[in-house]
Amino acid sequence: MNTIVIYNSQTGFTKRYAQWIAEAAGADCLELSMAKKKNLSSYEAIVFGGWACAGGISKIGWYKGNMDKWANKKLIAFCVGASPIENPEIEPALKQNFSEAEWNKVKVFYCPGGLDYDEMAAPSKLMMKVFLKTLKAKKDKTQAEEEMVKMISSSYDISDKKYIEPILECLRKA
């Protein structure tokens, strides 16, 4: 299947996943700014990856804005975030990025990435620092909140190639 993987990455985790998917699927791989300049009509499958930001998928609006034009193509989106894959908040967060009609046209996946404060843009880094400070100051934190404080206090990487398997399986299905 002639496939392209398009990504928007801030700290490198989404780019890494996009490259892994493209390599495993024998697909083209382009950063979003380059993909916007390309005619995608020859592709049978269009995969988009963006990073998680406050429950949203970065730059997903561009992808959603083209979904009707790509109605005859296999559409897959993936989101890379800092939460472990077991987090029960992931699926509702992914769904909120799409209308019901859009959700029925696209297969959506989550890939755990991590946090890299050294590569993070200043506004994102500031947002994370404020969030962490607020969470640390909270009285009577839940166990989950205590774990979150430990997790986001420094950079970490939980990315793994195994998380692309469901995406590759979806691409293999006719």
Protein backbone atom coordinates (compact mmCIF):
# COMPACT_ATOMS: atom_id res chain seq x y z
CA MET A 1 0.00 0.00 0.00
CA ASN A 2 1.44 3.36 -1.04
CA THR A 3 1.66 5.15 2.33
CA ILE A 4 2.92 8.46 3.70
CA VAL A 5 3.59 9.23 7.34
CA ILE A 6 3.33 12.92 8.21
CA TYR A 7 4.35 14.21 11.61
CA ASN A 8 4.53 17.28 13.80
CA SER A 9 7.12 16.90 16.56
CA GLN A 10 8.28 19.25 19.26
CA THR A 11 10.91 17.29 21.17
CA GLY A 12 11.59 14.35 18.84
CA PHE A 13 9.36 11.58 20.18
CA THR A 14 6.72 11.94 17.45
CA LYS A 15 9.40 12.15 14.77
CA ARG A 16 10.95 8.94 16.11
CA TYR A 17 7.61 7.11 15.96
CA ALA A 18 6.89 8.47 12.47
CA GLN A 19 10.26 7.23 11.24
CA TRP A 20 9.75 3.81 12.86
CA ILE A 21 6.32 3.46 11.22
CA ALA A 22 7.58 4.63 7.82
CA GLU A 23 10.56 2.30 7.93
CA ALA A 24 8.47 -0.73 8.96
CA ALA A 25 5.72 0.03 6.42
CA GLY A 26 8.03 1.02 3.55
CA ALA A 27 6.33 4.42 3.57
CA ASP A 28 7.43 7.96 2.79
CA CYS A 29 7.91 10.15 5.85
CA LEU A 30 7.61 13.95 5.91
CA GLU A 31 7.49 16.68 8.50
CA LEU A 32 4.14 18.51 8.36
CA SER A 33 5.56 21.75 6.89
CA MET A 34 6.92 19.77 3.92
CA ALA A 35 3.82 17.59 3.55
CA LYS A 36 1.62 20.69 3.24
CA LYS A 37 3.48 21.52 -0.01
CA LYS A 38 3.08 18.02 -1.47
CA ASN A 39 0.28 16.55 -3.57
CA LEU A 40 -0.87 13.53 -1.56
CA SER A 41 -3.39 12.19 -4.10
CA SER A 42 -1.20 9.22 -5.10
CA TYR A 43 -1.11 7.79 -1.57
CA GLU A 44 -3.53 5.05 -0.54
CA ALA A 45 -2.89 5.59 3.17
CA ILE A 46 -2.15 8.84 5.00
CA VAL A 47 -0.85 8.55 8.54
CA PHE A 48 -0.57 11.64 10.73
CA GLY A 49 1.28 11.91 14.02
CA GLY A 50 1.18 14.76 16.46
CA TRP A 51 2.21 15.28 20.06
CA ALA A 52 -0.20 15.55 22.96
CA CYS A 53 -0.75 19.00 24.40
CA ALA A 54 -3.36 19.50 27.12
CA GLY A 55 -5.51 16.68 25.74
CA GLY A 56 -5.23 17.87 22.16
CA ILE A 57 -3.20 16.50 19.26
CA SER A 58 -0.88 19.17 17.87
CA LYS A 59 -1.74 20.34 14.35
CA ILE A 60 -4.59 17.82 13.99
CA GLY A 61 -6.71 20.59 12.47
CA TRP A 62 -4.71 20.41 9.23
CA TYR A 63 -5.32 16.66 8.98
CA LYS A 64 -9.02 16.95 9.84
CA GLY A 65 -9.40 19.75 7.31
CA ASN A 66 -8.29 17.36 4.55
CA MET A 67 -10.17 14.22 5.60
CA ASP A 68 -13.13 14.77 3.24
CA LYS A 69 -10.75 15.19 0.31
CA TRP A 70 -9.09 11.89 1.33
CA ALA A 71 -12.36 9.95 1.70
CA ASN A 72 -11.14 7.09 -0.50
CA LYS A 73 -7.90 6.63 1.49
CA LYS A 74 -6.99 4.75 4.65
CA LEU A 75 -6.69 7.39 7.37
CA ILE A 76 -4.69 6.81 10.54
CA ALA A 77 -3.70 9.29 13.23
CA PHE A 78 -1.41 8.73 16.17
CA CYS A 79 -0.70 10.85 19.19
CA VAL A 80 2.52 10.72 21.18
CA GLY A 81 2.32 11.76 24.80
CA ALA A 82 4.05 11.60 28.13
CA SER A 83 1.56 9.23 29.77
CA PRO A 84 2.06 5.48 30.00
CA ILE A 85 -0.19 3.54 27.63
CA GLU A 86 -2.25 2.17 30.54
CA ASN A 87 -3.59 5.62 31.46
CA PRO A 88 -7.41 5.42 31.29
CA GLU A 89 -7.65 9.10 30.31
CA ILE A 90 -6.00 8.52 26.93
CA GLU A 91 -8.94 7.24 24.87
CA PRO A 92 -11.37 9.98 25.98
CA ALA A 93 -8.65 12.57 25.30
CA LEU A 94 -8.07 11.18 21.80
CA LYS A 95 -11.80 11.11 21.04
CA GLN A 96 -12.27 14.77 21.99
CA ASN A 97 -10.04 15.72 19.04
CA PHE A 98 -12.60 14.43 16.52
CA SER A 99 -16.29 14.77 15.80
CA GLU A 100 -18.23 11.50 15.75
CA ALA A 101 -18.23 11.53 11.92
CA GLU A 102 -14.45 12.12 11.83
CA TRP A 103 -13.85 9.41 14.46
CA ASN A 104 -15.65 6.93 12.18
CA LYS A 105 -13.34 7.82 9.23
CA VAL A 106 -9.97 7.58 10.98
CA LYS A 107 -8.23 4.97 13.11
CA VAL A 108 -6.56 6.67 16.07
CA PHE A 109 -3.68 5.33 18.15
CA TYR A 110 -1.61 6.42 21.14
CA CYS A 111 2.14 5.95 21.54
CA PRO A 112 3.89 6.75 24.83
CA GLY A 113 6.88 9.01 24.34
CA GLY A 114 8.10 10.96 27.32
CA LEU A 115 9.30 14.40 28.24
CA ASP A 116 12.48 16.10 27.08
CA TYR A 117 12.72 19.43 28.84
CA ASP A 118 15.96 20.29 27.01
CA GLU A 119 14.21 20.12 23.61
CA MET A 120 10.86 21.58 24.69
CA ALA A 121 9.80 24.99 23.40
CA ALA A 122 9.77 27.73 26.04
CA PRO A 123 5.95 28.09 26.21
CA SER A 124 5.50 24.34 26.71
CA LYS A 125 8.28 24.21 29.28
CA LEU A 126 6.66 27.09 31.19
CA MET A 127 3.25 25.39 31.04
CA MET A 128 4.76 22.16 32.43
CA LYS A 129 6.56 24.03 35.23
CA VAL A 130 3.33 25.78 36.24
CA PHE A 131 1.43 22.49 36.12
CA LEU A 132 4.10 20.74 38.21
CA LYS A 133 4.21 23.57 40.77
CA THR A 134 0.40 23.53 41.05
CA LEU A 135 0.35 19.76 41.45
CA LYS A 136 3.13 19.79 44.07
CA ALA A 137 1.27 22.46 46.07
CA LYS A 138 -2.00 20.52 46.10
CA LYS A 139 -2.98 19.21 49.50
CA ASP A 140 -4.22 15.63 49.88
CA LYS A 141 -2.87 14.44 46.52
CA THR A 142 -4.15 11.13 45.23
CA GLN A 143 -1.70 8.29 44.59
CA ALA A 144 -1.98 9.01 40.86
CA GLU A 145 -1.12 12.68 41.44
CA GLU A 146 1.89 11.71 43.60
CA GLU A 147 3.11 9.45 40.78
CA MET A 148 2.53 12.24 38.25
CA VAL A 149 4.70 14.63 40.30
CA LYS A 150 7.54 12.10 40.33
CA MET A 151 7.14 11.36 36.63
CA ILE A 152 7.10 14.92 35.27
CA SER A 153 9.75 16.36 37.59
CA SER A 154 12.46 15.51 35.05
CA SER A 155 12.93 14.31 31.48
CA TYR A 156 12.24 10.66 30.67
CA ASP A 157 11.77 8.38 27.66
CA ILE A 158 9.21 5.55 27.59
CA SER A 159 9.04 5.23 23.80
CA ASP A 160 9.30 1.73 22.32
CA LYS A 161 8.94 0.28 18.82
CA LYS A 162 6.41 -2.23 20.14
CA TYR A 163 3.80 0.55 20.28
CA ILE A 164 3.73 0.89 16.47
CA GLU A 165 2.50 -2.70 16.00
CA PRO A 166 -1.25 -1.82 16.13
CA ILE A 167 -0.64 0.93 13.54
CA LEU A 168 1.24 -1.44 11.25
CA GLU A 169 -1.51 -4.05 11.67
CA CYS A 170 -4.09 -1.44 10.66
CA LEU A 171 -2.02 -0.58 7.56
CA ARG A 172 -1.79 -4.26 6.59
CA LYS A 173 -5.57 -4.70 6.66
CA ALA A 174 -7.09 -4.14 3.21
